[in-house]
Amino acid sequence: MMSEGPDAPDDDAEGIPLIEGWMFGRLLFPLAMEEVQRVPPANDDEG
């Protein structure tokens, strides 16, 4: 069995994510679109 005491992890407690993956994507999408419009495309001319 695991160690017992005040520093022992709770077996009942699971990590509850504060933000889901799709929420994170929706949060960052407007920022990403602004960055895409701000940064000029790379020049790939290699003669």
PDB file of N, CA and C in Angstrom:
ATOM      1  N   MET A   1       0.834  -1.195   0.000  1.00  0.00           N
ATOM      2  CA  MET A   1       0.000   0.000   0.000  1.00  0.00           C
ATOM      3  C   MET A   1       0.872   1.249   0.000  1.00  0.00           C
ATOM      4  N   MET A   2       0.302   2.339  -0.375  1.00  0.00           N
ATOM      5  CA  MET A   2       1.048   3.599  -0.441  1.00  0.00           C
ATOM      6  C   MET A   2       1.332   4.115   0.965  1.00  0.00           C
ATOM      7  N   SER A   3       2.177   5.108   1.049  1.00  0.00           N
ATOM      8  CA  SER A   3       2.509   5.675   2.351  1.00  0.00           C
ATOM      9  C   SER A   3       1.300   6.399   2.941  1.00  0.00           C
ATOM     10  N   GLU A   4       1.188   6.322   4.230  1.00  0.00           N
ATOM     11  CA  GLU A   4       0.071   6.973   4.926  1.00  0.00           C
ATOM     12  C   GLU A   4       0.612   8.206   5.630  1.00  0.00           C
ATOM     13  N   GLY A   5      -0.227   9.194   5.821  1.00  0.00           N
ATOM     14  CA  GLY A   5       0.194  10.392   6.532  1.00  0.00           C
ATOM     15  C   GLY A   5      -0.347  11.634   5.855  1.00  0.00           C
ATOM     16  N   PRO A   6       0.046  12.779   6.374  1.00  0.00           N
ATOM     17  CA  PRO A   6      -0.497  14.035   5.837  1.00  0.00           C
ATOM     18  C   PRO A   6      -0.046  14.327   4.401  1.00  0.00           C
ATOM     19  N   ASP A   7       1.089  13.775   3.976  1.00  0.00           N
ATOM     20  CA  ASP A   7       1.585  14.034   2.629  1.00  0.00           C
ATOM     21  C   ASP A   7       1.157  12.970   1.627  1.00  0.00           C
ATOM     22  N   ALA A   8       0.381  11.978   2.073  1.00  0.00           N
ATOM     23  CA  ALA A   8      -0.055  10.912   1.177  1.00  0.00           C
ATOM     24  C   ALA A   8      -1.080  11.456   0.184  1.00  0.00           C
ATOM     25  N   PRO A   9      -0.970  11.063  -1.080  1.00  0.00           N
ATOM     26  CA  PRO A   9      -1.936  11.545  -2.073  1.00  0.00           C
ATOM     27  C   PRO A   9      -3.313  10.948  -1.830  1.00  0.00           C
ATOM     28  N   ASP A  10      -4.337  11.687  -2.127  1.00  0.00           N
ATOM     29  CA  ASP A  10      -5.715  11.208  -1.998  1.00  0.00           C
ATOM     30  C   ASP A  10      -6.016  10.272  -3.153  1.00  0.00           C
ATOM     31  N   ASP A  11      -6.512   9.088  -2.849  1.00  0.00           N
ATOM     32  CA  ASP A  11      -6.907   8.165  -3.906  1.00  0.00           C
ATOM     33  C   ASP A  11      -8.210   8.613  -4.552  1.00  0.00           C
ATOM     34  N   ASP A  12      -9.036   9.348  -3.801  1.00  0.00           N
ATOM     35  CA  ASP A  12     -10.325   9.802  -4.315  1.00  0.00           C
ATOM     36  C   ASP A  12     -10.167  10.985  -5.264  1.00  0.00           C
ATOM     37  N   ALA A  13      -9.188  11.825  -5.002  1.00  0.00           N
ATOM     38  CA  ALA A  13      -9.051  13.067  -5.765  1.00  0.00           C
ATOM     39  C   ALA A  13      -8.432  12.793  -7.126  1.00  0.00           C
ATOM     40  N   GLU A  14      -9.158  13.142  -8.164  1.00  0.00           N
ATOM     41  CA  GLU A  14      -8.619  13.076  -9.519  1.00  0.00           C
ATOM     42  C   GLU A  14      -8.372  14.492  -9.987  1.00  0.00           C
ATOM     43  N   GLY A  15      -7.446  14.657 -10.908  1.00  0.00           N
ATOM     44  CA  GLY A  15      -7.193  15.980 -11.450  1.00  0.00           C
ATOM     45  C   GLY A  15      -8.378  16.441 -12.287  1.00  0.00           C
ATOM     46  N   ILE A  16      -8.950  17.541 -11.909  1.00  0.00           N
ATOM     47  CA  ILE A  16     -10.068  18.101 -12.674  1.00  0.00           C
ATOM     48  C   ILE A  16      -9.509  19.229 -13.520  1.00  0.00           C
ATOM     49  N   PRO A  17      -9.538  19.088 -14.833  1.00  0.00           N
ATOM     50  CA  PRO A  17      -8.991  20.151 -15.682  1.00  0.00           C
ATOM     51  C   PRO A  17      -9.825  21.421 -15.542  1.00  0.00           C
ATOM     52  N   LEU A  18      -9.156  22.530 -15.421  1.00  0.00           N
ATOM     53  CA  LEU A  18      -9.860  23.802 -15.312  1.00  0.00           C
ATOM     54  C   LEU A  18     -10.389  24.246 -16.666  1.00  0.00           C
ATOM     55  N   ILE A  19      -9.750  23.777 -17.721  1.00  0.00           N
ATOM     56  CA  ILE A  19     -10.180  24.149 -19.071  1.00  0.00           C
ATOM     57  C   ILE A  19      -9.997  22.934 -19.968  1.00  0.00           C
ATOM     58  N   GLU A  20     -10.987  22.646 -20.766  1.00  0.00           N
ATOM     59  CA  GLU A  20     -10.926  21.511 -21.684  1.00  0.00           C
ATOM     60  C   GLU A  20     -10.125  21.902 -22.925  1.00  0.00           C
ATOM     61  N   GLY A  21      -9.692  20.913 -23.679  1.00  0.00           N
ATOM     62  CA  GLY A  21      -8.896  21.174 -24.876  1.00  0.00           C
ATOM     63  C   GLY A  21      -9.617  22.031 -25.899  1.00  0.00           C
ATOM     64  N   TRP A  22     -10.900  21.738 -26.137  1.00  0.00           N
ATOM     65  CA  TRP A  22     -11.634  22.525 -27.129  1.00  0.00           C
ATOM     66  C   TRP A  22     -11.851  23.954 -26.649  1.00  0.00           C
ATOM     67  N   MET A  23     -11.981  24.152 -25.339  1.00  0.00           N
ATOM     68  CA  MET A  23     -12.115  25.509 -24.804  1.00  0.00           C
ATOM     69  C   MET A  23     -10.820  26.285 -25.027  1.00  0.00           C
ATOM     70  N   PHE A  24      -9.704  25.607 -24.808  1.00  0.00           N
ATOM     71  CA  PHE A  24      -8.400  26.237 -24.995  1.00  0.00           C
ATOM     72  C   PHE A  24      -8.213  26.640 -26.452  1.00  0.00           C
ATOM     73  N   GLY A  25      -8.648  25.773 -27.373  1.00  0.00           N
ATOM     74  CA  GLY A  25      -8.554  26.088 -28.796  1.00  0.00           C
ATOM     75  C   GLY A  25      -9.386  27.294 -29.172  1.00  0.00           C
ATOM     76  N   ARG A  26     -10.614  27.354 -28.649  1.00  0.00           N
ATOM     77  CA  ARG A  26     -11.477  28.508 -28.940  1.00  0.00           C
ATOM     78  C   ARG A  26     -10.941  29.783 -28.321  1.00  0.00           C
ATOM     79  N   LEU A  27     -10.270  29.656 -27.196  1.00  0.00           N
ATOM     80  CA  LEU A  27      -9.694  30.816 -26.533  1.00  0.00           C
ATOM     81  C   LEU A  27      -8.535  31.378 -27.348  1.00  0.00           C
ATOM     82  N   LEU A  28      -7.698  30.500 -27.901  1.00  0.00           N
ATOM     83  CA  LEU A  28      -6.506  30.945 -28.618  1.00  0.00           C
ATOM     84  C   LEU A  28      -6.742  31.221 -30.096  1.00  0.00           C
ATOM     85  N   PHE A  29      -7.865  30.764 -30.653  1.00  0.00           N
ATOM     86  CA  PHE A  29      -8.095  30.910 -32.089  1.00  0.00           C
ATOM     87  C   PHE A  29      -8.048  32.369 -32.556  1.00  0.00           C
ATOM     88  N   PRO A  30      -8.732  33.306 -31.889  1.00  0.00           N
ATOM     89  CA  PRO A  30      -8.656  34.706 -32.349  1.00  0.00           C
ATOM     90  C   PRO A  30      -7.243  35.275 -32.291  1.00  0.00           C
ATOM     91  N   LEU A  31      -6.490  34.905 -31.266  1.00  0.00           N
ATOM     92  CA  LEU A  31      -5.112  35.386 -31.160  1.00  0.00           C
ATOM     93  C   LEU A  31      -4.254  34.820 -32.287  1.00  0.00           C
ATOM     94  N   ALA A  32      -4.480  33.555 -32.608  1.00  0.00           N
ATOM     95  CA  ALA A  32      -3.715  32.924 -33.682  1.00  0.00           C
ATOM     96  C   ALA A  32      -4.038  33.579 -35.024  1.00  0.00           C
ATOM     97  N   MET A  33      -5.311  33.899 -35.256  1.00  0.00           N
ATOM     98  CA  MET A  33      -5.698  34.529 -36.522  1.00  0.00           C
ATOM     99  C   MET A  33      -5.100  35.925 -36.648  1.00  0.00           C
ATOM    100  N   GLU A  34      -5.036  36.669 -35.550  1.00  0.00           N
ATOM    101  CA  GLU A  34      -4.391  37.982 -35.578  1.00  0.00           C
ATOM    102  C   GLU A  34      -2.917  37.842 -35.930  1.00  0.00           C
ATOM    103  N   GLU A  35      -2.268  36.844 -35.370  1.00  0.00           N
ATOM    104  CA  GLU A  35      -0.845  36.628 -35.625  1.00  0.00           C
ATOM    105  C   GLU A  35      -0.606  36.226 -37.078  1.00  0.00           C
ATOM    106  N   VAL A  36      -1.498  35.418 -37.639  1.00  0.00           N
ATOM    107  CA  VAL A  36      -1.371  35.005 -39.035  1.00  0.00           C
ATOM    108  C   VAL A  36      -1.472  36.218 -39.959  1.00  0.00           C
ATOM    109  N   GLN A  37      -2.364  37.132 -39.639  1.00  0.00           N
ATOM    110  CA  GLN A  37      -2.524  38.325 -40.469  1.00  0.00           C
ATOM    111  C   GLN A  37      -1.369  39.295 -40.270  1.00  0.00           C
ATOM    112  N   ARG A  38      -0.778  39.313 -39.085  1.00  0.00           N
ATOM    113  CA  ARG A  38       0.291  40.265 -38.772  1.00  0.00           C
ATOM    114  C   ARG A  38       1.629  39.851 -39.397  1.00  0.00           C
ATOM    115  N   VAL A  39       1.927  38.564 -39.348  1.00  0.00           N
ATOM    116  CA  VAL A  39       3.225  38.078 -39.815  1.00  0.00           C
ATOM    117  C   VAL A  39       3.177  37.868 -41.327  1.00  0.00           C
ATOM    118  N   PRO A  40       4.094  38.491 -42.073  1.00  0.00           N
ATOM    119  CA  PRO A  40       4.084  38.294 -43.538  1.00  0.00           C
ATOM    120  C   PRO A  40       4.527  36.880 -43.898  1.00  0.00           C
ATOM    121  N   PRO A  41       4.064  36.367 -45.028  1.00  0.00           N
ATOM    122  CA  PRO A  41       4.488  35.018 -45.440  1.00  0.00           C
ATOM    123  C   PRO A  41       5.983  34.969 -45.746  1.00  0.00           C
ATOM    124  N   ALA A  42       6.560  33.816 -45.581  1.00  0.00           N
ATOM    125  CA  ALA A  42       7.984  33.645 -45.844  1.00  0.00           C
ATOM    126  C   ALA A  42       8.247  33.657 -47.352  1.00  0.00           C
ATOM    127  N   ASN A  43       9.379  34.181 -47.737  1.00  0.00           N
ATOM    128  CA  ASN A  43       9.792  34.178 -49.136  1.00  0.00           C
ATOM    129  C   ASN A  43      10.582  32.910 -49.396  1.00  0.00           C
ATOM    130  N   ASP A  44      10.112  32.104 -50.334  1.00  0.00           N
ATOM    131  CA  ASP A  44      10.751  30.845 -50.633  1.00  0.00           C
ATOM    132  C   ASP A  44      11.504  30.877 -51.961  1.00  0.00           C
ATOM    133  N   ASP A  45      11.829  32.068 -52.447  1.00  0.00           N
ATOM    134  CA  ASP A  45      12.559  32.179 -53.725  1.00  0.00           C
ATOM    135  C   ASP A  45      14.014  31.811 -53.517  1.00  0.00           C
ATOM    136  N   GLU A  46      14.411  30.674 -54.120  1.00  0.00           N
ATOM    137  CA  GLU A  46      15.815  30.258 -54.019  1.00  0.00           C
ATOM    138  C   GLU A  46      16.407  30.147 -55.420  1.00  0.00           C
ATOM    139  N   GLY A  47      15.955  31.027 -56.334  1.00  0.00           N
ATOM    140  CA  GLY A  47      16.479  31.203 -57.649  1.00  0.00           C
ATOM    141  C   GLY A  47      16.641  30.014 -58.446  1.00  0.00           C
TER     142      GLY A  47
END
